[in-house]
PDB file of N, CA and C in Angstrom:
ATOM      1  N   UNK A   1      38.332-115.853 -44.529  1.00  0.00           N
ATOM      2  CA  UNK A   1      37.565-116.382 -45.255  1.00  0.00           C
ATOM      3  C   UNK A   1      36.560-115.717 -46.232  1.00  0.00           C
ATOM      4  N   UNK A   2      35.777-114.601 -45.428  1.00  0.00           N
ATOM      5  CA  UNK A   2      34.893-113.640 -46.011  1.00  0.00           C
ATOM      6  C   UNK A   2      35.343-112.944 -47.201  1.00  0.00           C
ATOM      7  N   UNK A   3      36.945-112.792 -47.268  1.00  0.00           N
ATOM      8  CA  UNK A   3      37.230-111.935 -48.196  1.00  0.00           C
ATOM      9  C   UNK A   3      37.482-112.542 -49.506  1.00  0.00           C
ATOM     10  N   UNK A   4      37.030-113.973 -49.769  1.00  0.00           N
ATOM     11  CA  UNK A   4      36.916-114.692 -50.916  1.00  0.00           C
ATOM     12  C   UNK A   4      35.870-114.377 -51.939  1.00  0.00           C
ATOM     13  N   UNK A   5      36.228-114.453 -53.179  1.00  0.00           N
ATOM     14  CA  UNK A   5      35.113-114.189 -54.035  1.00  0.00           C
ATOM     15  C   UNK A   5      33.947-115.052 -53.875  1.00  0.00           C
ATOM     16  N   UNK A   6      32.638-114.797 -53.938  1.00  0.00           N
ATOM     17  CA  UNK A   6      31.568-115.584 -54.044  1.00  0.00           C
ATOM     18  C   UNK A   6      31.322-116.464 -55.017  1.00  0.00           C
ATOM     19  N   UNK A   7      32.204-116.082 -56.354  1.00  0.00           N
ATOM     20  CA  UNK A   7      32.038-116.993 -57.663  1.00  0.00           C
ATOM     21  C   UNK A   7      32.350-118.689 -56.874  1.00  0.00           C
ATOM     22  N   UNK A   8      33.483-118.464 -56.366  1.00  0.00           N
ATOM     23  CA  UNK A   8      33.885-119.864 -55.768  1.00  0.00           C
ATOM     24  C   UNK A   8      33.128-120.582 -55.194  1.00  0.00           C
ATOM     25  N   UNK A   9      32.527-119.789 -54.058  1.00  0.00           N
ATOM     26  CA  UNK A   9      31.549-120.612 -53.074  1.00  0.00           C
ATOM     27  C   UNK A   9      30.434-121.133 -53.840  1.00  0.00           C
ATOM     28  N   UNK A  10      29.787-120.257 -54.834  1.00  0.00           N
ATOM     29  CA  UNK A  10      28.866-120.393 -55.783  1.00  0.00           C
ATOM     30  C   UNK A  10      29.314-121.889 -56.678  1.00  0.00           C
ATOM     31  N   UNK A  11      30.297-121.945 -57.289  1.00  0.00           N
ATOM     32  CA  UNK A  11      30.651-123.368 -57.602  1.00  0.00           C
ATOM     33  C   UNK A  11      30.686-124.470 -56.774  1.00  0.00           C
ATOM     34  N   UNK A  12      31.228-124.233 -55.730  1.00  0.00           N
ATOM     35  CA  UNK A  12      31.314-125.613 -54.632  1.00  0.00           C
ATOM     36  C   UNK A  12      29.755-125.603 -54.096  1.00  0.00           C
ATOM     37  N   UNK A  13      28.948-125.041 -53.909  1.00  0.00           N
ATOM     38  CA  UNK A  13      27.693-125.363 -53.986  1.00  0.00           C
ATOM     39  C   UNK A  13      26.979-125.954 -54.992  1.00  0.00           C
ATOM     40  N   UNK A  14      27.248-125.598 -56.097  1.00  0.00           N
ATOM     41  CA  UNK A  14      26.893-126.024 -57.370  1.00  0.00           C
ATOM     42  C   UNK A  14      27.367-127.467 -57.666  1.00  0.00           C
ATOM     43  N   UNK A  15      28.584-127.780 -57.446  1.00  0.00           N
ATOM     44  CA  UNK A  15      29.030-129.069 -57.283  1.00  0.00           C
ATOM     45  C   UNK A  15      28.349-130.117 -56.240  1.00  0.00           C
ATOM     46  N   UNK A  16      28.254-129.590 -55.095  1.00  0.00           N
ATOM     47  CA  UNK A  16      27.366-130.390 -53.987  1.00  0.00           C
ATOM     48  C   UNK A  16      26.293-130.340 -54.370  1.00  0.00           C
ATOM     49  N   UNK A  17      25.669-129.773 -55.324  1.00  0.00           N
ATOM     50  CA  UNK A  17      23.913-130.095 -55.718  1.00  0.00           C
ATOM     51  C   UNK A  17      24.179-131.005 -56.527  1.00  0.00           C
ATOM     52  N   UNK A  18      25.050-130.987 -57.615  1.00  0.00           N
ATOM     53  CA  UNK A  18      24.951-131.967 -58.612  1.00  0.00           C
ATOM     54  C   UNK A  18      25.310-133.226 -58.132  1.00  0.00           C
ATOM     55  N   UNK A  19      26.304-133.666 -57.252  1.00  0.00           N
ATOM     56  CA  UNK A  19      26.610-134.850 -56.671  1.00  0.00           C
ATOM     57  C   UNK A  19      25.482-135.358 -55.718  1.00  0.00           C
ATOM     58  N   UNK A  20      24.602-134.268 -55.139  1.00  0.00           N
ATOM     59  CA  UNK A  20      23.449-134.955 -54.478  1.00  0.00           C
ATOM     60  C   UNK A  20      22.474-135.377 -55.335  1.00  0.00           C
ATOM     61  N   UNK A  21      22.004-134.849 -56.319  1.00  0.00           N
ATOM     62  CA  UNK A  21      21.427-135.079 -57.556  1.00  0.00           C
ATOM     63  C   UNK A  21      21.627-136.337 -58.003  1.00  0.00           C
ATOM     64  N   UNK A  22      22.922-136.536 -58.542  1.00  0.00           N
ATOM     65  CA  UNK A  22      23.426-137.961 -58.786  1.00  0.00           C
ATOM     66  C   UNK A  22      22.934-139.212 -57.868  1.00  0.00           C
ATOM     67  N   UNK A  23      23.566-138.756 -56.392  1.00  0.00           N
ATOM     68  CA  UNK A  23      23.164-139.782 -55.679  1.00  0.00           C
ATOM     69  C   UNK A  23      21.758-140.151 -55.030  1.00  0.00           C
ATOM     70  N   UNK A  24      20.687-139.010 -55.438  1.00  0.00           N
ATOM     71  CA  UNK A  24      19.419-139.290 -55.374  1.00  0.00           C
ATOM     72  C   UNK A  24      18.745-140.092 -56.566  1.00  0.00           C
ATOM     73  N   UNK A  25      19.488-139.930 -57.779  1.00  0.00           N
ATOM     74  CA  UNK A  25      18.984-140.834 -58.975  1.00  0.00           C
ATOM     75  C   UNK A  25      19.420-142.046 -58.613  1.00  0.00           C
ATOM     76  N   UNK A  26      20.666-142.378 -58.128  1.00  0.00           N
ATOM     77  CA  UNK A  26      21.188-143.780 -57.943  1.00  0.00           C
ATOM     78  C   UNK A  26      20.257-144.440 -56.998  1.00  0.00           C
ATOM     79  N   UNK A  27      20.119-143.486 -55.770  1.00  0.00           N
ATOM     80  CA  UNK A  27      19.335-144.193 -54.690  1.00  0.00           C
ATOM     81  C   UNK A  27      17.656-144.485 -55.550  1.00  0.00           C
ATOM     82  N   UNK A  28      17.213-143.725 -56.242  1.00  0.00           N
ATOM     83  CA  UNK A  28      15.738-144.060 -56.657  1.00  0.00           C
ATOM     84  C   UNK A  28      15.849-145.232 -57.509  1.00  0.00           C
ATOM     85  N   UNK A  29      17.116-145.371 -58.467  1.00  0.00           N
ATOM     86  CA  UNK A  29      17.032-146.472 -59.426  1.00  0.00           C
ATOM     87  C   UNK A  29      17.447-147.786 -59.062  1.00  0.00           C
ATOM     88  N   UNK A  30      18.125-147.786 -57.670  1.00  0.00           N
ATOM     89  CA  UNK A  30      18.215-148.850 -57.168  1.00  0.00           C
ATOM     90  C   UNK A  30      17.026-149.373 -56.032  1.00  0.00           C
ATOM     91  N   UNK A  31      16.063-148.450 -55.554  1.00  0.00           N
ATOM     92  CA  UNK A  31      15.066-148.894 -55.222  1.00  0.00           C
ATOM     93  C   UNK A  31      13.913-149.157 -55.938  1.00  0.00           C
ATOM     94  N   UNK A  32      13.977-148.678 -57.248  1.00  0.00           N
ATOM     95  CA  UNK A  32      13.060-149.211 -58.533  1.00  0.00           C
ATOM     96  C   UNK A  32      13.286-150.804 -58.810  1.00  0.00           C
ATOM     97  N   UNK A  33      14.921-151.162 -58.928  1.00  0.00           N
ATOM     98  CA  UNK A  33      15.376-152.333 -59.282  1.00  0.00           C
ATOM     99  C   UNK A  33      14.680-153.230 -58.258  1.00  0.00           C
ATOM    100  N   UNK A  34      15.020-152.968 -56.845  1.00  0.00           N
ATOM    101  CA  UNK A  34      14.914-153.694 -55.701  1.00  0.00           C
ATOM    102  C   UNK A  34      13.341-154.136 -55.723  1.00  0.00           C
ATOM    103  N   UNK A  35      12.370-152.853 -56.074  1.00  0.00           N
ATOM    104  CA  UNK A  35      11.113-153.230 -56.150  1.00  0.00           C
ATOM    105  C   UNK A  35      10.526-154.111 -57.193  1.00  0.00           C
ATOM    106  N   UNK A  36      11.206-154.032 -58.359  1.00  0.00           N
ATOM    107  CA  UNK A  36      11.063-155.104 -59.479  1.00  0.00           C
ATOM    108  C   UNK A  36      11.183-156.116 -59.093  1.00  0.00           C
ATOM    109  N   UNK A  37      12.358-156.539 -58.486  1.00  0.00           N
ATOM    110  CA  UNK A  37      12.757-157.925 -58.155  1.00  0.00           C
ATOM    111  C   UNK A  37      11.999-158.536 -57.211  1.00  0.00           C
ATOM    112  N   UNK A  38      11.635-157.994 -56.261  1.00  0.00           N
ATOM    113  CA  UNK A  38      10.571-158.187 -54.942  1.00  0.00           C
ATOM    114  C   UNK A  38       9.204-158.638 -55.851  1.00  0.00           C
ATOM    115  N   UNK A  39       8.684-157.928 -56.985  1.00  0.00           N
ATOM    116  CA  UNK A  39       7.688-158.008 -57.591  1.00  0.00           C
ATOM    117  C   UNK A  39       7.748-159.310 -58.732  1.00  0.00           C
ATOM    118  N   UNK A  40       8.772-159.563 -58.899  1.00  0.00           N
ATOM    119  CA  UNK A  40       9.026-160.995 -59.627  1.00  0.00           C
ATOM    120  C   UNK A  40       9.168-162.083 -58.932  1.00  0.00           C
ATOM    121  N   UNK A  41       9.645-162.122 -57.731  1.00  0.00           N
ATOM    122  CA  UNK A  41       9.506-163.165 -56.469  1.00  0.00           C
ATOM    123  C   UNK A  41       8.412-163.462 -56.278  1.00  0.00           C
ATOM    124  N   UNK A  42       7.510-162.163 -56.187  1.00  0.00           N
ATOM    125  CA  UNK A  42       6.136-162.527 -55.559  1.00  0.00           C
ATOM    126  C   UNK A  42       5.388-163.067 -56.739  1.00  0.00           C
ATOM    127  N   UNK A  43       5.588-162.817 -57.733  1.00  0.00           N
ATOM    128  CA  UNK A  43       4.660-163.450 -58.940  1.00  0.00           C
ATOM    129  C   UNK A  43       5.082-164.706 -59.419  1.00  0.00           C
ATOM    130  N   UNK A  44       6.384-165.220 -59.287  1.00  0.00           N
ATOM    131  CA  UNK A  44       6.878-166.419 -59.501  1.00  0.00           C
ATOM    132  C   UNK A  44       6.953-167.478 -58.398  1.00  0.00           C
TER     133      UNK A  44
END
C-alpha cells in the first residue's frame, strides 16, 4: 500500500475535503432555515 503514488492519496483526501465542505454548508443552511422558521413562529 505504501508503494502507491502520493498523487492518488492526495486526490482522495481532496475529494473527502470537498464532500465534508458540502455537508457542512448543507448543515449550516438547514440550521439557518430552522432558526428563521422558529423566529417566524415566535413573531406570529
